[in-house]
Amino acid sequence: MENIIKVRAMRAAGIACFLVLAIIGAWIFTTPSSDIVDALTEAGKMVGGGATYGTFMLAACPPVAGFIAYHFWKWVIK
């Protein structure tokens, strides 16, 4: 039973990761480059960096969403 819960939670994590990637992709392809750079720079400034920090934060979103979805779904199923 525990293995089935892990498999279902992992499936939910994959779906969450895909959804976040799709949202990021839609944002990247529909927003002008200058607006993207400005948004990433502002996000990076919030943590004491610049555009590079903002880019790393954006890149971390899919795995973080998957991690949260995995543990949330595992908690919901139990």
N, C-alpha and C. Protein backbone atom coordinates (compact mmCIF):
# COMPACT_ATOMS: atom_id res chain seq x y z
N MET A 1 0.83 -1.21 0.00
CA MET A 1 0.00 0.00 0.00
C MET A 1 0.86 1.26 0.00
N GLU A 2 1.96 1.21 0.77
CA GLU A 2 2.84 2.38 0.84
C GLU A 2 3.45 2.69 -0.52
N ASN A 3 3.76 1.63 -1.29
CA ASN A 3 4.35 1.83 -2.61
C ASN A 3 3.36 2.49 -3.57
N ILE A 4 2.08 2.13 -3.48
CA ILE A 4 1.05 2.73 -4.33
C ILE A 4 0.90 4.22 -4.01
N ILE A 5 0.97 4.55 -2.74
CA ILE A 5 0.87 5.96 -2.33
C ILE A 5 2.03 6.75 -2.91
N LYS A 6 3.24 6.18 -2.86
CA LYS A 6 4.41 6.87 -3.42
C LYS A 6 4.29 7.06 -4.93
N VAL A 7 3.78 6.03 -5.61
CA VAL A 7 3.62 6.13 -7.06
C VAL A 7 2.60 7.21 -7.42
N ARG A 8 1.49 7.24 -6.73
CA ARG A 8 0.48 8.27 -6.99
C ARG A 8 1.00 9.66 -6.67
N ALA A 9 1.74 9.79 -5.59
CA ALA A 9 2.31 11.08 -5.22
C ALA A 9 3.35 11.52 -6.25
N MET A 10 4.14 10.58 -6.77
CA MET A 10 5.13 10.91 -7.78
C MET A 10 4.44 11.34 -9.08
N ARG A 11 3.34 10.71 -9.41
CA ARG A 11 2.58 11.12 -10.60
C ARG A 11 2.05 12.54 -10.43
N ALA A 12 1.55 12.87 -9.25
CA ALA A 12 1.08 14.23 -8.98
C ALA A 12 2.22 15.22 -9.07
N ALA A 13 3.40 14.83 -8.60
CA ALA A 13 4.57 15.72 -8.68
C ALA A 13 4.96 15.97 -10.13
N GLY A 14 4.90 14.94 -10.96
CA GLY A 14 5.20 15.11 -12.38
C GLY A 14 4.22 16.03 -13.07
N ILE A 15 2.96 15.89 -12.73
CA ILE A 15 1.93 16.77 -13.32
C ILE A 15 2.15 18.21 -12.88
N ALA A 16 2.46 18.42 -11.62
CA ALA A 16 2.70 19.78 -11.12
C ALA A 16 3.92 20.39 -11.80
N CYS A 17 4.97 19.61 -11.96
CA CYS A 17 6.18 20.09 -12.62
C CYS A 17 5.88 20.47 -14.06
N PHE A 18 5.13 19.62 -14.76
CA PHE A 18 4.76 19.91 -16.15
C PHE A 18 3.92 21.17 -16.25
N LEU A 19 2.97 21.34 -15.35
CA LEU A 19 2.12 22.53 -15.39
C LEU A 19 2.94 23.81 -15.18
N VAL A 20 3.86 23.77 -14.24
CA VAL A 20 4.71 24.95 -14.01
C VAL A 20 5.58 25.22 -15.22
N LEU A 21 6.13 24.17 -15.83
CA LEU A 21 6.93 24.36 -17.05
C LEU A 21 6.10 24.95 -18.18
N ALA A 22 4.85 24.48 -18.31
CA ALA A 22 3.97 25.02 -19.35
C ALA A 22 3.65 26.49 -19.10
N ILE A 23 3.42 26.86 -17.86
CA ILE A 23 3.15 28.25 -17.52
C ILE A 23 4.37 29.13 -17.81
N ILE A 24 5.55 28.64 -17.43
CA ILE A 24 6.78 29.40 -17.70
C ILE A 24 6.98 29.53 -19.21
N GLY A 25 6.77 28.45 -19.94
CA GLY A 25 6.92 28.48 -21.40
C GLY A 25 5.96 29.46 -22.05
N ALA A 26 4.71 29.46 -21.62
CA ALA A 26 3.74 30.40 -22.17
C ALA A 26 4.16 31.83 -21.86
N TRP A 27 4.65 32.06 -20.65
CA TRP A 27 5.09 33.41 -20.27
C TRP A 27 6.29 33.84 -21.10
N ILE A 28 7.24 32.94 -21.29
CA ILE A 28 8.45 33.26 -22.06
C ILE A 28 8.11 33.59 -23.51
N PHE A 29 7.21 32.82 -24.12
CA PHE A 29 6.92 33.00 -25.54
C PHE A 29 5.91 34.10 -25.84
N THR A 30 5.25 34.63 -24.81
CA THR A 30 4.26 35.68 -25.06
C THR A 30 4.67 37.05 -24.51
N THR A 31 5.78 37.10 -23.81
CA THR A 31 6.22 38.35 -23.20
C THR A 31 7.46 38.88 -23.92
N PRO A 32 7.51 40.17 -24.14
CA PRO A 32 8.72 40.75 -24.75
C PRO A 32 9.96 40.50 -23.89
N SER A 33 11.10 40.36 -24.55
CA SER A 33 12.35 40.04 -23.85
C SER A 33 12.71 41.07 -22.79
N SER A 34 12.50 42.34 -23.08
CA SER A 34 12.86 43.37 -22.10
C SER A 34 12.02 43.24 -20.83
N ASP A 35 10.75 42.88 -20.98
CA ASP A 35 9.90 42.68 -19.80
C ASP A 35 10.34 41.47 -18.98
N ILE A 36 10.77 40.42 -19.67
CA ILE A 36 11.26 39.22 -18.97
C ILE A 36 12.51 39.56 -18.17
N VAL A 37 13.45 40.25 -18.80
CA VAL A 37 14.69 40.62 -18.11
C VAL A 37 14.39 41.53 -16.93
N ASP A 38 13.48 42.48 -17.12
CA ASP A 38 13.10 43.38 -16.01
C ASP A 38 12.49 42.60 -14.85
N ALA A 39 11.60 41.65 -15.16
CA ALA A 39 10.95 40.87 -14.12
C ALA A 39 11.96 39.99 -13.38
N LEU A 40 12.87 39.36 -14.13
CA LEU A 40 13.88 38.53 -13.48
C LEU A 40 14.85 39.36 -12.65
N THR A 41 15.16 40.56 -13.13
CA THR A 41 16.04 41.44 -12.36
C THR A 41 15.37 41.88 -11.07
N GLU A 42 14.10 42.23 -11.14
CA GLU A 42 13.38 42.63 -9.92
C GLU A 42 13.29 41.48 -8.93
N ALA A 43 13.02 40.27 -9.43
CA ALA A 43 12.95 39.11 -8.54
C ALA A 43 14.32 38.86 -7.91
N GLY A 44 15.37 39.00 -8.68
CA GLY A 44 16.72 38.82 -8.14
C GLY A 44 17.10 39.86 -7.13
N LYS A 45 16.65 41.11 -7.34
CA LYS A 45 16.95 42.18 -6.39
C LYS A 45 16.30 41.92 -5.03
N MET A 46 15.17 41.20 -5.03
CA MET A 46 14.49 40.90 -3.77
C MET A 46 15.32 40.00 -2.86
N VAL A 47 16.24 39.24 -3.45
CA VAL A 47 17.09 38.36 -2.65
C VAL A 47 18.54 38.81 -2.63
N GLY A 48 18.78 40.03 -3.08
CA GLY A 48 20.11 40.60 -2.99
C GLY A 48 21.01 40.37 -4.18
N GLY A 49 20.44 40.02 -5.32
CA GLY A 49 21.25 39.77 -6.52
C GLY A 49 20.76 40.58 -7.70
N GLY A 50 20.76 39.95 -8.84
CA GLY A 50 20.32 40.61 -10.07
C GLY A 50 19.56 39.64 -10.94
N ALA A 51 19.72 39.80 -12.25
CA ALA A 51 18.98 38.96 -13.20
C ALA A 51 19.38 37.49 -13.09
N THR A 52 20.63 37.23 -12.75
CA THR A 52 21.07 35.83 -12.62
C THR A 52 20.34 35.14 -11.48
N TYR A 53 20.20 35.81 -10.36
CA TYR A 53 19.46 35.23 -9.24
C TYR A 53 18.00 35.01 -9.63
N GLY A 54 17.42 35.97 -10.34
CA GLY A 54 16.04 35.82 -10.80
C GLY A 54 15.88 34.64 -11.73
N THR A 55 16.87 34.42 -12.60
CA THR A 55 16.82 33.28 -13.51
C THR A 55 16.91 31.97 -12.74
N PHE A 56 17.80 31.92 -11.75
CA PHE A 56 17.90 30.71 -10.93
C PHE A 56 16.61 30.45 -10.16
N MET A 57 15.97 31.52 -9.69
CA MET A 57 14.70 31.35 -8.98
C MET A 57 13.63 30.80 -9.92
N LEU A 58 13.59 31.31 -11.15
CA LEU A 58 12.62 30.82 -12.13
C LEU A 58 12.90 29.36 -12.47
N ALA A 59 14.17 29.00 -12.61
CA ALA A 59 14.53 27.62 -12.93
C ALA A 59 14.21 26.66 -11.79
N ALA A 60 14.18 27.17 -10.56
CA ALA A 60 13.89 26.32 -9.41
C ALA A 60 12.40 26.07 -9.22
N CYS A 61 11.55 26.82 -9.90
CA CYS A 61 10.10 26.69 -9.69
C CYS A 61 9.55 25.30 -10.01
N PRO A 62 9.86 24.68 -11.16
CA PRO A 62 9.28 23.35 -11.43
C PRO A 62 9.65 22.28 -10.40
N PRO A 63 10.94 22.12 -10.02
CA PRO A 63 11.23 21.10 -9.02
C PRO A 63 10.62 21.40 -7.65
N VAL A 64 10.55 22.67 -7.29
CA VAL A 64 9.93 23.03 -6.01
C VAL A 64 8.45 22.71 -6.04
N ALA A 65 7.79 23.01 -7.16
CA ALA A 65 6.36 22.68 -7.29
C ALA A 65 6.15 21.17 -7.22
N GLY A 66 7.04 20.41 -7.86
CA GLY A 66 6.94 18.95 -7.79
C GLY A 66 7.15 18.43 -6.38
N PHE A 67 8.12 19.00 -5.67
CA PHE A 67 8.39 18.60 -4.29
C PHE A 67 7.18 18.85 -3.40
N ILE A 68 6.61 20.04 -3.54
CA ILE A 68 5.43 20.39 -2.74
C ILE A 68 4.25 19.49 -3.09
N ALA A 69 4.02 19.28 -4.39
CA ALA A 69 2.90 18.43 -4.81
C ALA A 69 3.07 17.00 -4.32
N TYR A 70 4.31 16.49 -4.37
CA TYR A 70 4.56 15.12 -3.90
C TYR A 70 4.18 14.96 -2.44
N HIS A 71 4.70 15.84 -1.61
CA HIS A 71 4.43 15.71 -0.17
C HIS A 71 2.98 16.04 0.17
N PHE A 72 2.39 17.01 -0.52
CA PHE A 72 0.98 17.33 -0.27
C PHE A 72 0.10 16.16 -0.67
N TRP A 73 0.35 15.59 -1.84
CA TRP A 73 -0.49 14.49 -2.31
C TRP A 73 -0.31 13.25 -1.43
N LYS A 74 0.91 13.01 -0.99
CA LYS A 74 1.17 11.89 -0.08
C LYS A 74 0.42 12.09 1.23
N TRP A 75 0.35 13.32 1.71
CA TRP A 75 -0.39 13.63 2.93
C TRP A 75 -1.89 13.48 2.72
N VAL A 76 -2.38 13.91 1.54
CA VAL A 76 -3.83 13.83 1.27
C VAL A 76 -4.28 12.38 1.17
N ILE A 77 -3.48 11.53 0.54
CA ILE A 77 -3.88 10.13 0.34
C ILE A 77 -3.91 9.37 1.66
N LYS A 78 -2.97 9.67 2.56
CA LYS A 78 -2.92 8.92 3.83
C LYS A 78 -4.07 9.27 4.67
